[in-house]
Amino acid sequence: MTPILRNKKLVHAVLASLVVAGVASGTLYAGPAHAQNDNGHVLIADQFNNRVIEVDRRTHQVVWHFGNGSDLPGPHSVVGTNDAERFGPFTLISGTGTPPGLPGCSDTVNGCPDNRVFIVDPNGNIIWQYGQAGIGGSGPDQLNTPVQSLFLISFPGHLGPHVLITDQVNERVILVNLDHQIEWQYGTTGVSGNGANQLNNPNSAEVLENGHILIADENNNRVIEIRPNGQIVKQFTAGGTVSGAAFASRLPNGDTLITDSNNNRIVEVNGNDQVVWQYITNLQPGSNPTPLPTRAVRLHNGDTLISDQFNDRVFEITPAGKIVFNQGDLNMPGDGFNQLNGPYDAKQIGDFTGLTPPFDLF
């Protein structure tokens, strides 16, 4: 544990000042000092390599990373990371953990849990953490398979910086303040279902410009939009065809972009749940037949950045489906130059997904 993590007041002051400065300048999601002019660096949660990497899309070189590859969670390691985002000079990481039988985990019986969400500084020091390394639970300061997290400068009815966490096995989405207190929750802890206040293996949650929360309710094969009071106002299933909703975000045109994992596709639906665009990720020669893509984010240039998990690549496509950037060898896992192993999430730094706060900064 680093000194800054022990000093709550210092953590609050650093993050609060960052938020104020970031909102004022419109640069909250810019990269760290070495990447202010990053020309579109890409931040990747390289799941089975147990690391988060920042790559220069021009050279494919790793220019920053967190995670030493260990399958034991610690101050310099992360296990089975599913999500990462850059805000200011900091990186928010979800240490999800790896089930037995999958790459990156040496324990074939019990798996390799992590169960932390944490913030690291540019030097790789953990300055804030929720959850306990390797311990799963639903009590205070406990998580069970956190798959996604989001640093928020605002949430309806709640002041100050918070972290929104999709706590998958606990079947909930929780809003945590920097003092490690849960201030809001959707989903009944430990109960899976599709009824009121129920989720089934949630995989992401995003806050929308209207103050609603968009949740990828993976095993219910749906994306739901809820009010902060828990009322479901919309549901998206691409006309009942979605299978395994891994991620969803609201686009500036009002459409919803869904990562339809079990169908190996990315699908965009309008407000009436009609498909207006889609891309299938397993049609390229040499592709894994079931790559199970896990993330797709729409960039401000209109392209889509896709994390094609078991094809071991992150790539960007134009609206016409032309690949204009690719990191990783198709269906060839590795940890060498331009190689990935089960990448779960990718975001272009300074070009955040959907309409996640802060809004309209570009």
Protein backbone atom coordinates (compact mmCIF):
# COMPACT_ATOMS: atom_id res chain seq x y z
CA MET A 1 0.00 0.00 0.00
CA THR A 2 1.45 3.34 -1.03
CA PRO A 3 1.49 6.42 1.24
CA ILE A 4 -1.00 8.25 -0.96
CA LEU A 5 -3.50 5.38 -0.64
CA ARG A 6 -3.34 5.62 3.16
CA ASN A 7 -3.92 9.37 3.11
CA LYS A 8 -7.62 9.79 2.29
CA LYS A 9 -7.50 13.56 2.40
CA LEU A 10 -4.67 13.64 -0.11
CA VAL A 11 -6.49 11.26 -2.46
CA HIS A 12 -9.63 13.37 -2.26
CA ALA A 13 -7.68 16.56 -2.87
CA VAL A 14 -5.80 15.17 -5.85
CA LEU A 15 -8.87 13.71 -7.54
CA ALA A 16 -11.08 16.69 -6.73
CA SER A 17 -8.55 19.15 -8.13
CA LEU A 18 -8.20 16.98 -11.21
CA VAL A 19 -11.95 16.99 -11.76
CA VAL A 20 -12.24 20.77 -11.36
CA ALA A 21 -9.32 21.42 -13.70
CA GLY A 22 -10.48 18.80 -16.18
CA VAL A 23 -14.02 20.10 -16.43
CA ALA A 24 -12.84 23.69 -16.74
CA SER A 25 -10.40 22.92 -19.54
CA GLY A 26 -12.38 20.17 -21.24
CA THR A 27 -9.42 17.78 -20.95
CA LEU A 28 -10.56 15.40 -18.21
CA TYR A 29 -10.02 12.41 -20.45
CA ALA A 30 -6.71 13.51 -21.93
CA GLY A 31 -3.77 11.18 -21.40
CA PRO A 32 -0.90 11.52 -18.94
CA ALA A 33 1.95 13.96 -19.40
CA HIS A 34 3.86 11.73 -21.79
CA ALA A 35 0.80 11.30 -23.98
CA GLN A 36 -0.84 14.71 -24.15
CA ASN A 37 -0.12 14.70 -27.89
CA ASP A 38 -0.82 11.03 -28.23
CA ASN A 39 -2.24 11.02 -31.76
CA GLY A 40 -4.85 8.53 -30.66
CA HIS A 41 -3.09 6.19 -28.25
CA VAL A 42 -5.24 3.21 -27.38
CA LEU A 43 -5.68 1.88 -23.84
CA ILE A 44 -6.26 -1.89 -23.80
CA ALA A 45 -7.29 -4.27 -21.02
CA ASP A 46 -5.15 -7.22 -22.14
CA GLN A 47 -7.09 -9.76 -20.11
CA PHE A 48 -5.06 -12.99 -20.14
CA ASN A 49 -1.71 -11.20 -20.18
CA ASN A 50 -2.78 -9.72 -16.83
CA ARG A 51 -1.97 -6.17 -17.81
CA VAL A 52 -3.29 -2.86 -19.08
CA ILE A 53 -1.29 -1.36 -21.92
CA GLU A 54 -1.26 1.93 -23.76
CA VAL A 55 -0.16 1.56 -27.37
CA ASP A 56 0.88 4.06 -30.00
CA ARG A 57 -1.41 3.21 -32.88
CA ARG A 58 1.14 4.37 -35.44
CA THR A 59 4.01 2.17 -34.26
CA HIS A 60 2.09 -0.49 -32.26
CA GLN A 61 4.61 0.03 -29.47
CA VAL A 62 3.57 -0.18 -25.81
CA VAL A 63 4.28 3.24 -24.29
CA TRP A 64 2.80 2.61 -20.81
CA HIS A 65 1.58 -0.40 -18.90
CA PHE A 66 0.36 -1.62 -15.54
CA GLY A 67 0.63 -5.25 -14.50
CA ASN A 68 3.70 -7.45 -14.21
CA GLY A 69 1.94 -10.53 -15.58
CA SER A 70 1.50 -12.26 -12.22
CA ASP A 71 -1.73 -14.19 -11.61
CA LEU A 72 -1.69 -13.09 -7.98
CA PRO A 73 -3.21 -9.64 -7.32
CA GLY A 74 -0.88 -7.17 -5.68
CA PRO A 75 0.39 -3.58 -5.68
CA HIS A 76 1.96 -4.00 -9.12
CA SER A 77 -0.20 -6.72 -10.63
CA VAL A 78 -3.72 -7.14 -11.93
CA VAL A 79 -5.41 -10.44 -12.79
CA GLY A 80 -7.79 -10.94 -15.69
CA THR A 81 -8.40 -7.26 -16.23
CA ASN A 82 -11.65 -6.59 -18.10
CA ASP A 83 -11.81 -2.81 -18.16
CA ALA A 84 -9.65 0.31 -18.05
CA GLU A 85 -10.19 3.99 -18.64
CA ARG A 86 -7.88 7.00 -18.59
CA PHE A 87 -8.98 10.19 -16.88
CA GLY A 88 -6.47 12.99 -16.60
CA PRO A 89 -3.14 11.37 -15.63
CA PHE A 90 -4.84 8.47 -13.85
CA THR A 91 -6.05 5.06 -14.99
CA LEU A 92 -9.05 3.26 -13.52
CA ILE A 93 -8.67 -0.53 -13.74
CA SER A 94 -11.06 -3.39 -13.04
CA GLY A 95 -9.23 -6.44 -11.73
CA THR A 96 -11.83 -9.04 -12.60
CA GLY A 97 -9.89 -12.25 -12.07
CA THR A 98 -9.69 -15.38 -14.23
CA PRO A 99 -11.77 -18.57 -13.90
CA PRO A 100 -9.97 -21.93 -13.87
CA GLY A 101 -9.10 -23.35 -17.26
CA LEU A 102 -8.50 -20.04 -19.01
CA PRO A 103 -5.13 -18.56 -20.00
CA GLY A 104 -3.23 -16.36 -17.61
CA CYS A 105 -4.16 -18.42 -14.54
CA SER A 106 -1.99 -21.20 -13.12
CA ASP A 107 -4.58 -22.47 -10.64
CA THR A 108 -6.68 -24.90 -12.68
CA VAL A 109 -8.93 -25.78 -9.73
CA ASN A 110 -9.80 -22.53 -7.97
CA GLY A 111 -9.03 -19.99 -10.63
CA CYS A 112 -7.22 -16.71 -10.01
CA PRO A 113 -9.45 -14.08 -8.39
CA ASP A 114 -8.62 -10.39 -8.14
CA ASN A 115 -11.86 -8.61 -7.14
CA ARG A 116 -10.52 -5.05 -7.05
CA VAL A 117 -11.24 -1.78 -8.78
CA PHE A 118 -8.41 0.68 -8.39
CA ILE A 119 -6.88 3.91 -9.64
CA VAL A 120 -3.20 4.11 -10.53
CA ASP A 121 -1.04 7.15 -11.20
CA PRO A 122 1.27 7.45 -14.24
CA ASN A 123 4.05 5.71 -12.29
CA GLY A 124 1.89 2.67 -11.60
CA ASN A 125 1.18 3.41 -7.93
CA ILE A 126 -2.27 2.48 -6.65
CA ILE A 127 -3.76 5.61 -5.08
CA TRP A 128 -7.32 4.38 -4.47
CA GLN A 129 -8.87 0.92 -4.31
CA TYR A 130 -12.24 -0.69 -3.66
CA GLY A 131 -12.32 -4.43 -3.00
CA GLN A 132 -9.77 -6.74 -1.43
CA ALA A 133 -7.07 -8.53 -3.39
CA GLY A 134 -8.08 -12.11 -4.13
CA ILE A 135 -11.09 -12.04 -1.79
CA GLY A 136 -14.62 -12.22 -3.17
CA GLY A 137 -17.62 -11.06 -1.19
CA SER A 138 -20.53 -8.65 -0.98
CA GLY A 139 -19.80 -6.96 2.33
CA PRO A 140 -18.21 -3.57 2.95
CA ASP A 141 -15.28 -2.95 0.61
CA GLN A 142 -15.84 -6.27 -1.15
CA LEU A 143 -16.54 -7.21 -4.77
CA ASN A 144 -17.06 -10.43 -6.66
CA THR A 145 -15.84 -10.34 -10.27
CA PRO A 146 -15.99 -6.61 -11.04
CA VAL A 147 -16.08 -6.43 -14.83
CA GLN A 148 -16.32 -2.70 -15.47
CA SER A 149 -15.94 0.60 -13.68
CA LEU A 150 -16.45 4.23 -14.50
CA PHE A 151 -15.03 7.34 -12.86
CA LEU A 152 -17.79 9.93 -12.54
CA ILE A 153 -17.66 13.61 -11.79
CA SER A 154 -21.41 13.60 -11.21
CA PHE A 155 -24.29 11.23 -10.61
CA PRO A 156 -27.92 12.29 -10.09
CA GLY A 157 -28.43 13.23 -6.47
CA HIS A 158 -24.83 12.53 -5.44
CA LEU A 159 -22.12 15.18 -5.15
CA GLY A 160 -18.42 14.77 -5.81
CA PRO A 161 -16.34 12.12 -7.57
CA HIS A 162 -17.62 8.54 -7.50
CA VAL A 163 -16.85 5.23 -9.12
CA LEU A 164 -19.65 3.21 -10.73
CA ILE A 165 -18.84 -0.51 -10.57
CA THR A 166 -20.48 -3.42 -12.36
CA ASP A 167 -20.10 -6.14 -9.73
CA GLN A 168 -21.02 -9.12 -11.87
CA VAL A 169 -21.29 -12.17 -9.61
CA ASN A 170 -22.97 -10.06 -6.95
CA GLU A 171 -25.60 -9.25 -9.64
CA ARG A 172 -25.46 -5.52 -9.03
CA VAL A 173 -24.24 -2.14 -10.17
CA ILE A 174 -23.02 0.04 -7.30
CA LEU A 175 -22.00 3.67 -6.91
CA VAL A 176 -19.09 4.02 -4.50
CA ASN A 177 -17.70 7.26 -3.09
CA LEU A 178 -14.03 7.82 -2.40
CA ASP A 179 -14.62 6.89 1.27
CA HIS A 180 -15.62 3.37 0.13
CA GLN A 181 -19.30 3.82 0.91
CA ILE A 182 -22.01 2.47 -1.40
CA GLU A 183 -24.39 5.35 -2.13
CA TRP A 184 -26.55 3.76 -4.84
CA GLN A 185 -27.26 0.28 -6.11
CA TYR A 186 -29.28 -1.41 -8.81
CA GLY A 187 -29.76 -5.15 -8.66
CA THR A 188 -30.47 -7.34 -5.64
CA THR A 189 -27.19 -8.55 -4.18
CA GLY A 190 -26.58 -12.20 -4.96
CA VAL A 191 -29.94 -12.70 -6.70
CA SER A 192 -30.13 -13.28 -10.45
CA GLY A 193 -33.35 -12.63 -12.32
CA ASN A 194 -35.14 -10.36 -14.76
CA GLY A 195 -37.73 -8.88 -12.45
CA ALA A 196 -37.80 -5.57 -10.62
CA ASN A 197 -34.35 -4.60 -9.34
CA GLN A 198 -32.82 -7.79 -10.74
CA LEU A 199 -29.96 -8.50 -13.14
CA ASN A 200 -28.38 -11.63 -14.52
CA ASN A 201 -24.61 -11.38 -14.95
CA PRO A 202 -24.41 -7.63 -15.67
CA ASN A 203 -21.39 -6.71 -17.76
CA SER A 204 -21.36 -2.90 -17.97
CA ALA A 205 -23.11 0.27 -16.85
CA GLU A 206 -22.86 3.74 -18.37
CA VAL A 207 -24.41 7.02 -17.22
CA LEU A 208 -26.31 8.88 -19.92
CA GLU A 209 -26.74 12.58 -20.55
CA ASN A 210 -30.34 12.44 -19.31
CA GLY A 211 -29.16 11.03 -15.97
CA HIS A 212 -30.34 7.51 -16.74
CA ILE A 213 -28.11 4.44 -16.45
CA LEU A 214 -27.60 2.07 -19.39
CA ILE A 215 -26.84 -1.50 -18.25
CA ALA A 216 -25.70 -4.44 -20.37
CA ASP A 217 -27.62 -7.23 -18.63
CA GLU A 218 -25.62 -9.98 -20.25
CA ASN A 219 -27.38 -13.25 -19.44
CA ASN A 220 -30.82 -11.67 -19.74
CA ASN A 221 -29.82 -10.90 -23.34
CA ARG A 222 -30.86 -7.30 -23.05
CA VAL A 223 -29.71 -3.76 -22.47
CA ILE A 224 -31.86 -1.78 -20.07
CA GLU A 225 -32.08 1.95 -19.51
CA ILE A 226 -33.15 2.82 -15.98
CA ARG A 227 -33.84 5.95 -14.01
CA PRO A 228 -31.80 6.44 -10.82
CA ASN A 229 -34.90 5.32 -8.88
CA GLY A 230 -34.59 1.91 -10.57
CA GLN A 231 -37.49 2.26 -12.99
CA ILE A 232 -36.84 0.62 -16.35
CA VAL A 233 -37.77 3.08 -19.09
CA LYS A 234 -36.41 1.25 -22.16
CA GLN A 235 -35.13 -2.15 -23.15
CA PHE A 236 -33.00 -3.02 -26.17
CA THR A 237 -32.61 -6.51 -27.61
CA ALA A 238 -32.23 -5.78 -31.36
CA GLY A 239 -35.68 -7.17 -31.90
CA GLY A 240 -35.10 -10.12 -29.59
CA THR A 241 -31.89 -11.26 -31.32
CA VAL A 242 -29.23 -10.19 -28.80
CA SER A 243 -27.44 -13.07 -27.06
CA GLY A 244 -24.95 -12.09 -24.39
CA ALA A 245 -25.06 -8.30 -24.11
CA ALA A 246 -21.46 -7.54 -23.16
CA PHE A 247 -21.44 -3.74 -23.43
CA ALA A 248 -23.67 -0.87 -24.48
CA SER A 249 -23.34 2.87 -24.91
CA ARG A 250 -25.59 5.66 -26.12
CA LEU A 251 -24.43 7.42 -29.28
CA PRO A 252 -24.72 11.14 -30.03
CA ASN A 253 -27.44 10.41 -32.61
CA GLY A 254 -29.56 8.74 -29.94
CA ASP A 255 -28.92 5.19 -31.10
CA THR A 256 -27.54 2.50 -28.79
CA LEU A 257 -24.41 0.53 -29.66
CA ILE A 258 -24.46 -3.03 -28.30
CA THR A 259 -21.71 -5.63 -28.17
CA ASP A 260 -23.72 -8.77 -28.96
CA SER A 261 -21.06 -11.21 -27.81
CA ASN A 262 -22.58 -14.65 -28.39
CA ASN A 263 -23.60 -13.63 -31.90
CA ASN A 264 -20.06 -12.37 -32.60
CA ARG A 265 -21.35 -9.02 -33.73
CA ILE A 266 -21.60 -5.35 -32.95
CA VAL A 267 -25.08 -3.98 -33.49
CA GLU A 268 -26.50 -0.46 -33.46
CA VAL A 269 -30.20 -0.03 -32.76
CA ASN A 270 -32.41 3.01 -32.91
CA GLY A 271 -34.90 4.14 -30.27
CA ASN A 272 -37.41 1.61 -31.56
CA ASP A 273 -34.91 -1.25 -31.10
CA GLN A 274 -34.51 -1.65 -34.87
CA VAL A 275 -31.09 -2.65 -36.23
CA VAL A 276 -29.58 0.19 -38.27
CA TRP A 277 -25.97 -1.09 -38.51
CA GLN A 278 -24.02 -4.19 -37.61
CA TYR A 279 -20.59 -5.77 -38.00
CA ILE A 280 -19.76 -9.47 -37.65
CA THR A 281 -16.29 -10.17 -36.24
CA ASN A 282 -15.74 -13.82 -37.25
CA LEU A 283 -15.99 -13.64 -41.05
CA GLN A 284 -12.33 -12.85 -41.79
CA PRO A 285 -10.26 -15.85 -43.01
CA GLY A 286 -8.39 -17.37 -40.07
CA SER A 287 -10.82 -16.01 -37.50
CA ASN A 288 -11.77 -17.92 -34.40
CA PRO A 289 -15.31 -19.15 -35.15
CA THR A 290 -16.48 -17.80 -31.78
CA PRO A 291 -14.34 -14.77 -30.87
CA LEU A 292 -17.01 -13.47 -28.45
CA PRO A 293 -16.27 -9.73 -28.80
CA THR A 294 -16.61 -7.87 -25.52
CA ARG A 295 -16.41 -4.13 -26.30
CA ALA A 296 -17.28 -1.77 -29.10
CA VAL A 297 -17.04 1.99 -28.71
CA ARG A 298 -17.94 4.57 -31.33
CA LEU A 299 -15.18 7.09 -31.96
CA HIS A 300 -15.84 10.71 -32.73
CA ASN A 301 -14.72 10.21 -36.33
CA GLY A 302 -17.60 7.77 -36.80
CA ASP A 303 -15.43 4.65 -36.73
CA THR A 304 -15.92 1.83 -34.22
CA LEU A 305 -13.17 0.41 -32.00
CA ILE A 306 -13.78 -3.27 -31.23
CA SER A 307 -12.25 -5.60 -28.63
CA ASP A 308 -12.49 -8.96 -30.38
CA GLN A 309 -11.66 -11.11 -27.36
CA PHE A 310 -10.80 -14.60 -28.64
CA ASN A 311 -9.49 -13.28 -31.93
CA ASP A 312 -6.80 -11.66 -29.74
CA ARG A 313 -7.08 -8.30 -31.45
CA VAL A 314 -8.37 -4.77 -31.11
CA PHE A 315 -9.33 -3.10 -34.36
CA GLU A 316 -11.02 -0.03 -35.75
CA ILE A 317 -13.47 -0.14 -38.61
CA THR A 318 -15.15 2.53 -40.71
CA PRO A 319 -18.95 2.61 -41.03
CA ALA A 320 -18.46 0.64 -44.26
CA GLY A 321 -16.58 -2.09 -42.36
CA LYS A 322 -13.06 -1.31 -43.57
CA ILE A 323 -10.32 -2.07 -41.02
CA VAL A 324 -8.12 1.01 -40.56
CA PHE A 325 -6.24 -0.01 -37.40
CA ASN A 326 -5.38 -3.38 -35.90
CA GLN A 327 -3.49 -4.31 -32.75
CA GLY A 328 -2.80 -8.00 -32.26
CA ASP A 329 -2.42 -10.98 -34.60
CA LEU A 330 -5.74 -12.47 -35.67
CA ASN A 331 -6.54 -15.51 -33.51
CA MET A 332 -2.91 -15.77 -32.35
CA PRO A 333 -2.50 -14.98 -28.63
CA GLY A 334 0.83 -13.71 -27.34
CA ASP A 335 2.58 -11.10 -25.24
CA GLY A 336 5.24 -9.94 -27.69
CA PHE A 337 5.31 -7.03 -30.09
CA ASN A 338 1.85 -6.26 -31.47
CA GLN A 339 0.35 -9.25 -29.64
CA LEU A 340 -2.56 -9.55 -27.23
CA ASN A 341 -4.21 -12.36 -25.31
CA GLY A 342 -7.97 -12.13 -24.94
CA PRO A 343 -8.27 -8.31 -24.95
CA TYR A 344 -11.51 -7.42 -23.19
CA ASP A 345 -11.65 -3.65 -23.50
CA ALA A 346 -10.09 -0.88 -25.57
CA LYS A 347 -10.64 2.85 -25.63
CA GLN A 348 -8.91 5.58 -27.58
CA ILE A 349 -7.50 8.07 -25.10
CA GLY A 350 -9.16 11.45 -25.37
CA ASP A 351 -12.01 9.98 -27.41
CA PHE A 352 -14.30 8.42 -24.84
CA THR A 353 -17.26 6.23 -25.65
CA GLY A 354 -20.84 7.32 -26.08
CA LEU A 355 -22.18 10.17 -23.96
CA THR A 356 -20.50 9.21 -20.70
CA PRO A 357 -19.81 12.25 -18.47
CA PRO A 358 -18.34 14.77 -18.88
CA PHE A 359 -20.58 15.54 -21.81
CA ASP A 360 -19.90 17.63 -24.89
CA LEU A 361 -16.23 18.29 -24.21
CA PHE A 362 -15.07 17.64 -27.77
